[in-house]
Amino acid sequence: MKNFAIPTREQVAPVNQAIFDNLKGMVGFVPNLYAIFGHSDTALNDYLALQNRKSSIRAKEREVINLVVSQVNNCAYCLSAHTQFAKMNGFTDEQILAVRRANIGFDAKLDALAKLVKSTTENRGHASADILENFFAAGYSEANLIDVVIIIGDKIITNYLHALTDIPVDWPLAPELETAAV
């Protein structure tokens, strides 16, 4: 497998240098997965526009989507990063494990969301009819469904990019789901 170099600020286009500076100011560092986008003069800006678009999905729901998709796709990088973001959004360690399993006993609405996301991701867009019906019965709308699909797509992009590049995870590692305490 090719060894992908993580570009430094000096190695990327000026537009990406500005984004690197902004990321460093917000997060304290340029995460490797964002940096790898810097190999393209346009991809990082395009990806951030997608990721930061307005949405009917709340931040906590977004982390449910990010964690479930990353679990289905077995992306250690995104699981690690989004475990940290989920904690920042009020989830406990135990709740995060439940989210990753798409078996959320502590919140019925988030459970319906997680089950839809898992079924959609595993079946390449073809969630079962009862899961989709439960999503709407939980109070979600057609607009929510569209935003969920966009967030799934967003997360698939980074899951696949990490799978192809295998860059080092620069976040605290998320525990393996099989070995993590329930």
C-alpha atoms as a PDB file:
ATOM      1  CA  MET A   1       0.000   0.000   0.000  1.00  0.00           C
ATOM      2  CA  LYS A   2       1.243   3.479  -0.830  1.00  0.00           C
ATOM      3  CA  ASN A   3       2.434   5.503   2.123  1.00  0.00           C
ATOM      4  CA  PHE A   4       0.526   8.812   2.019  1.00  0.00           C
ATOM      5  CA  ALA A   5       2.473  11.786   3.284  1.00  0.00           C
ATOM      6  CA  ILE A   6       0.537  14.263   5.359  1.00  0.00           C
ATOM      7  CA  PRO A   7       1.248  17.646   3.794  1.00  0.00           C
ATOM      8  CA  THR A   8       2.502  20.487   5.921  1.00  0.00           C
ATOM      9  CA  ARG A   9       1.185  24.018   5.649  1.00  0.00           C
ATOM     10  CA  GLU A  10       4.111  24.973   3.407  1.00  0.00           C
ATOM     11  CA  GLN A  11       3.318  22.133   0.987  1.00  0.00           C
ATOM     12  CA  VAL A  12      -0.282  23.096   0.239  1.00  0.00           C
ATOM     13  CA  ALA A  13      -1.883  25.775  -1.929  1.00  0.00           C
ATOM     14  CA  PRO A  14      -2.409  29.228  -0.375  1.00  0.00           C
ATOM     15  CA  VAL A  15      -6.177  28.618  -0.056  1.00  0.00           C
ATOM     16  CA  ASN A  16      -5.431  25.475   1.972  1.00  0.00           C
ATOM     17  CA  GLN A  17      -2.817  27.306   4.040  1.00  0.00           C
ATOM     18  CA  ALA A  18      -5.537  29.699   5.202  1.00  0.00           C
ATOM     19  CA  ILE A  19      -7.807  26.764   6.073  1.00  0.00           C
ATOM     20  CA  PHE A  20      -4.959  25.045   7.951  1.00  0.00           C
ATOM     21  CA  ASP A  21      -4.446  28.270   9.944  1.00  0.00           C
ATOM     22  CA  ASN A  22      -8.159  28.433  10.745  1.00  0.00           C
ATOM     23  CA  LEU A  23      -8.253  24.767  11.823  1.00  0.00           C
ATOM     24  CA  LYS A  24      -5.207  25.237  14.016  1.00  0.00           C
ATOM     25  CA  GLY A  25      -6.896  28.223  15.669  1.00  0.00           C
ATOM     26  CA  MET A  26     -10.149  26.314  16.260  1.00  0.00           C
ATOM     27  CA  VAL A  27      -8.902  22.836  17.165  1.00  0.00           C
ATOM     28  CA  GLY A  28      -5.324  23.557  18.231  1.00  0.00           C
ATOM     29  CA  PHE A  29      -3.878  21.457  15.397  1.00  0.00           C
ATOM     30  CA  VAL A  30      -4.624  20.453  11.818  1.00  0.00           C
ATOM     31  CA  PRO A  31      -6.134  16.965  12.052  1.00  0.00           C
ATOM     32  CA  ASN A  32      -4.387  14.527   9.720  1.00  0.00           C
ATOM     33  CA  LEU A  33      -7.604  13.672   7.897  1.00  0.00           C
ATOM     34  CA  TYR A  34      -8.190  17.326   7.026  1.00  0.00           C
ATOM     35  CA  ALA A  35      -4.532  17.766   6.105  1.00  0.00           C
ATOM     36  CA  ILE A  36      -4.672  14.863   3.644  1.00  0.00           C
ATOM     37  CA  PHE A  37      -7.387  16.767   1.742  1.00  0.00           C
ATOM     38  CA  GLY A  38      -4.685  19.437   1.232  1.00  0.00           C
ATOM     39  CA  HIS A  39      -3.134  17.362  -1.558  1.00  0.00           C
ATOM     40  CA  SER A  40      -5.969  18.804  -3.669  1.00  0.00           C
ATOM     41  CA  ASP A  41      -6.202  22.551  -4.169  1.00  0.00           C
ATOM     42  CA  THR A  42     -10.014  22.461  -3.907  1.00  0.00           C
ATOM     43  CA  ALA A  43     -11.133  19.355  -1.969  1.00  0.00           C
ATOM     44  CA  LEU A  44     -10.580  20.671   1.566  1.00  0.00           C
ATOM     45  CA  ASN A  45     -12.662  23.790   0.980  1.00  0.00           C
ATOM     46  CA  ASP A  46     -15.352  21.768  -0.796  1.00  0.00           C
ATOM     47  CA  TYR A  47     -15.476  19.183   1.982  1.00  0.00           C
ATOM     48  CA  LEU A  48     -15.688  21.805   4.736  1.00  0.00           C
ATOM     49  CA  ALA A  49     -18.524  23.556   2.866  1.00  0.00           C
ATOM     50  CA  LEU A  50     -20.432  20.252   2.820  1.00  0.00           C
ATOM     51  CA  GLN A  51     -19.639  19.466   6.444  1.00  0.00           C
ATOM     52  CA  ASN A  52     -20.568  22.915   7.740  1.00  0.00           C
ATOM     53  CA  ARG A  53     -23.741  23.476   5.693  1.00  0.00           C
ATOM     54  CA  LYS A  54     -26.958  24.457   7.452  1.00  0.00           C
ATOM     55  CA  SER A  55     -29.010  21.432   8.432  1.00  0.00           C
ATOM     56  CA  SER A  56     -32.229  20.461  10.174  1.00  0.00           C
ATOM     57  CA  ILE A  57     -30.181  17.928  12.135  1.00  0.00           C
ATOM     58  CA  ARG A  58     -28.981  19.021  15.589  1.00  0.00           C
ATOM     59  CA  ALA A  59     -25.315  18.625  16.608  1.00  0.00           C
ATOM     60  CA  LYS A  60     -26.065  15.696  18.923  1.00  0.00           C
ATOM     61  CA  GLU A  61     -27.971  13.899  16.149  1.00  0.00           C
ATOM     62  CA  ARG A  62     -25.107  14.609  13.751  1.00  0.00           C
ATOM     63  CA  GLU A  63     -22.711  12.823  16.088  1.00  0.00           C
ATOM     64  CA  VAL A  64     -25.063   9.823  16.191  1.00  0.00           C
ATOM     65  CA  ILE A  65     -24.894   9.700  12.392  1.00  0.00           C
ATOM     66  CA  ASN A  66     -21.119  10.169  12.317  1.00  0.00           C
ATOM     67  CA  LEU A  67     -20.506   7.429  14.879  1.00  0.00           C
ATOM     68  CA  VAL A  68     -22.906   4.891  13.358  1.00  0.00           C
ATOM     69  CA  VAL A  69     -21.596   5.354   9.804  1.00  0.00           C
ATOM     70  CA  SER A  70     -17.991   5.190  11.013  1.00  0.00           C
ATOM     71  CA  GLN A  71     -18.748   2.025  12.983  1.00  0.00           C
ATOM     72  CA  VAL A  72     -20.378   0.340   9.986  1.00  0.00           C
ATOM     73  CA  ASN A  73     -17.388   1.341   7.847  1.00  0.00           C
ATOM     74  CA  ASN A  74     -14.905   0.402  10.600  1.00  0.00           C
ATOM     75  CA  CYS A  75     -13.094   3.753  10.404  1.00  0.00           C
ATOM     76  CA  ALA A  76     -10.802   4.046  13.425  1.00  0.00           C
ATOM     77  CA  TYR A  77      -9.944   7.653  12.565  1.00  0.00           C
ATOM     78  CA  CYS A  78     -13.528   8.925  12.421  1.00  0.00           C
ATOM     79  CA  LEU A  79     -14.632   6.826  15.402  1.00  0.00           C
ATOM     80  CA  SER A  80     -11.828   8.377  17.445  1.00  0.00           C
ATOM     81  CA  ALA A  81     -12.501  11.958  16.337  1.00  0.00           C
ATOM     82  CA  HIS A  82     -16.277  11.694  16.705  1.00  0.00           C
ATOM     83  CA  THR A  83     -16.014  10.041  20.110  1.00  0.00           C
ATOM     84  CA  GLN A  84     -14.394  13.302  21.234  1.00  0.00           C
ATOM     85  CA  PHE A  85     -17.056  15.421  19.511  1.00  0.00           C
ATOM     86  CA  ALA A  86     -19.833  13.265  20.970  1.00  0.00           C
ATOM     87  CA  LYS A  87     -18.421  13.869  24.462  1.00  0.00           C
ATOM     88  CA  MET A  88     -18.371  17.607  23.722  1.00  0.00           C
ATOM     89  CA  ASN A  89     -22.073  17.268  22.818  1.00  0.00           C
ATOM     90  CA  GLY A  90     -22.949  15.685  26.160  1.00  0.00           C
ATOM     91  CA  PHE A  91     -22.743  11.944  25.505  1.00  0.00           C
ATOM     92  CA  THR A  92     -21.130   9.719  28.149  1.00  0.00           C
ATOM     93  CA  ASP A  93     -18.674   6.938  27.282  1.00  0.00           C
ATOM     94  CA  GLU A  94     -21.413   4.337  27.803  1.00  0.00           C
ATOM     95  CA  GLN A  95     -23.866   6.256  25.628  1.00  0.00           C
ATOM     96  CA  ILE A  96     -21.274   6.541  22.858  1.00  0.00           C
ATOM     97  CA  LEU A  97     -20.868   2.757  22.837  1.00  0.00           C
ATOM     98  CA  ALA A  98     -24.654   2.369  22.654  1.00  0.00           C
ATOM     99  CA  VAL A  99     -24.758   4.828  19.739  1.00  0.00           C
ATOM    100  CA  ARG A 100     -22.037   2.900  17.905  1.00  0.00           C
ATOM    101  CA  ARG A 101     -24.089  -0.282  18.354  1.00  0.00           C
ATOM    102  CA  ALA A 102     -27.190   1.578  17.040  1.00  0.00           C
ATOM    103  CA  ASN A 103     -28.989   0.354  20.136  1.00  0.00           C
ATOM    104  CA  ILE A 104     -29.807   3.500  22.097  1.00  0.00           C
ATOM    105  CA  GLY A 105     -31.920   2.618  25.118  1.00  0.00           C
ATOM    106  CA  PHE A 106     -31.635   6.069  26.660  1.00  0.00           C
ATOM    107  CA  ASP A 107     -33.397   8.033  23.870  1.00  0.00           C
ATOM    108  CA  ALA A 108     -36.069   6.548  21.570  1.00  0.00           C
ATOM    109  CA  LYS A 109     -35.780   9.287  18.938  1.00  0.00           C
ATOM    110  CA  LEU A 110     -32.000   8.940  18.671  1.00  0.00           C
ATOM    111  CA  ASP A 111     -32.459   5.157  18.550  1.00  0.00           C
ATOM    112  CA  ALA A 112     -34.767   5.470  15.524  1.00  0.00           C
ATOM    113  CA  LEU A 113     -32.168   7.727  13.882  1.00  0.00           C
ATOM    114  CA  ALA A 114     -29.286   5.345  14.622  1.00  0.00           C
ATOM    115  CA  LYS A 115     -31.181   2.345  13.285  1.00  0.00           C
ATOM    116  CA  LEU A 116     -32.045   4.223  10.072  1.00  0.00           C
ATOM    117  CA  VAL A 117     -28.434   5.309   9.598  1.00  0.00           C
ATOM    118  CA  LYS A 118     -27.112   1.791  10.209  1.00  0.00           C
ATOM    119  CA  SER A 119     -29.604   0.178   7.826  1.00  0.00           C
ATOM    120  CA  THR A 120     -29.030   2.851   5.172  1.00  0.00           C
ATOM    121  CA  THR A 121     -25.245   2.533   5.365  1.00  0.00           C
ATOM    122  CA  GLU A 122     -25.163  -1.268   5.474  1.00  0.00           C
ATOM    123  CA  ASN A 123     -27.632  -1.569   2.590  1.00  0.00           C
ATOM    124  CA  ARG A 124     -26.207   1.229   0.410  1.00  0.00           C
ATOM    125  CA  GLY A 125     -29.250   3.438   0.722  1.00  0.00           C
ATOM    126  CA  HIS A 126     -31.893   0.742   0.979  1.00  0.00           C
ATOM    127  CA  ALA A 127     -33.086   0.925   4.585  1.00  0.00           C
ATOM    128  CA  SER A 128     -35.867  -1.447   5.509  1.00  0.00           C
ATOM    129  CA  ALA A 129     -39.412  -0.065   5.312  1.00  0.00           C
ATOM    130  CA  ASP A 130     -40.127  -0.628   9.017  1.00  0.00           C
ATOM    131  CA  ILE A 131     -36.958   1.215  10.048  1.00  0.00           C
ATOM    132  CA  LEU A 132     -37.872   4.131   7.782  1.00  0.00           C
ATOM    133  CA  GLU A 133     -41.414   4.121   9.181  1.00  0.00           C
ATOM    134  CA  ASN A 134     -40.039   4.160  12.749  1.00  0.00           C
ATOM    135  CA  PHE A 135     -37.802   7.124  11.837  1.00  0.00           C
ATOM    136  CA  PHE A 136     -40.836   9.164  10.790  1.00  0.00           C
ATOM    137  CA  ALA A 137     -42.926   7.892  13.751  1.00  0.00           C
ATOM    138  CA  ALA A 138     -40.174   9.160  16.077  1.00  0.00           C
ATOM    139  CA  GLY A 139     -40.882  12.696  14.850  1.00  0.00           C
ATOM    140  CA  TYR A 140     -38.471  13.148  11.982  1.00  0.00           C
ATOM    141  CA  SER A 141     -39.570  14.799   8.714  1.00  0.00           C
ATOM    142  CA  GLU A 142     -38.789  14.402   5.042  1.00  0.00           C
ATOM    143  CA  ALA A 143     -36.381  17.355   5.334  1.00  0.00           C
ATOM    144  CA  ASN A 144     -34.635  15.550   8.189  1.00  0.00           C
ATOM    145  CA  LEU A 145     -34.295  12.433   6.018  1.00  0.00           C
ATOM    146  CA  ILE A 146     -32.600  14.415   3.260  1.00  0.00           C
ATOM    147  CA  ASP A 147     -30.210  16.036   5.736  1.00  0.00           C
ATOM    148  CA  VAL A 148     -29.442  12.629   7.279  1.00  0.00           C
ATOM    149  CA  VAL A 149     -28.483  11.267   3.854  1.00  0.00           C
ATOM    150  CA  ILE A 150     -26.186  14.251   3.233  1.00  0.00           C
ATOM    151  CA  ILE A 151     -24.469  13.694   6.585  1.00  0.00           C
ATOM    152  CA  ILE A 152     -24.112   9.969   5.820  1.00  0.00           C
ATOM    153  CA  GLY A 153     -22.463  10.952   2.525  1.00  0.00           C
ATOM    154  CA  ASP A 154     -20.185  13.411   4.305  1.00  0.00           C
ATOM    155  CA  LYS A 155     -19.036  10.704   6.697  1.00  0.00           C
ATOM    156  CA  ILE A 156     -18.587   8.106   3.961  1.00  0.00           C
ATOM    157  CA  ILE A 157     -16.190  10.516   2.227  1.00  0.00           C
ATOM    158  CA  THR A 158     -13.879  10.689   5.235  1.00  0.00           C
ATOM    159  CA  ASN A 159     -14.292   6.986   6.102  1.00  0.00           C
ATOM    160  CA  TYR A 160     -13.228   6.032   2.577  1.00  0.00           C
ATOM    161  CA  LEU A 161     -10.426   8.585   2.477  1.00  0.00           C
ATOM    162  CA  HIS A 162      -8.985   7.164   5.673  1.00  0.00           C
ATOM    163  CA  ALA A 163      -9.389   3.594   4.422  1.00  0.00           C
ATOM    164  CA  LEU A 164      -7.484   4.449   1.240  1.00  0.00           C
ATOM    165  CA  THR A 165      -4.706   6.489   2.865  1.00  0.00           C
ATOM    166  CA  ASP A 166      -4.407   4.791   6.282  1.00  0.00           C
ATOM    167  CA  ILE A 167      -3.020   7.987   7.773  1.00  0.00           C
ATOM    168  CA  PRO A 168      -2.243   7.941  11.515  1.00  0.00           C
ATOM    169  CA  VAL A 169      -5.068   8.675  13.945  1.00  0.00           C
ATOM    170  CA  ASP A 170      -4.187  11.841  15.823  1.00  0.00           C
ATOM    171  CA  TRP A 171      -7.106  11.727  18.280  1.00  0.00           C
ATOM    172  CA  PRO A 172      -7.367   9.590  21.430  1.00  0.00           C
ATOM    173  CA  LEU A 173      -8.241   6.138  20.101  1.00  0.00           C
ATOM    174  CA  ALA A 174     -11.841   5.051  20.474  1.00  0.00           C
ATOM    175  CA  PRO A 175     -12.176   1.662  22.175  1.00  0.00           C
ATOM    176  CA  GLU A 176     -12.856  -1.368  20.039  1.00  0.00           C
ATOM    177  CA  LEU A 177     -16.589  -2.013  20.168  1.00  0.00           C
ATOM    178  CA  GLU A 178     -16.280  -5.772  20.686  1.00  0.00           C
ATOM    179  CA  THR A 179     -13.964  -5.361  23.684  1.00  0.00           C
ATOM    180  CA  ALA A 180     -15.573  -2.252  25.163  1.00  0.00           C
ATOM    181  CA  ALA A 181     -17.638  -2.742  28.291  1.00  0.00           C
ATOM    182  CA  VAL A 182     -21.389  -2.493  27.771  1.00  0.00           C
END
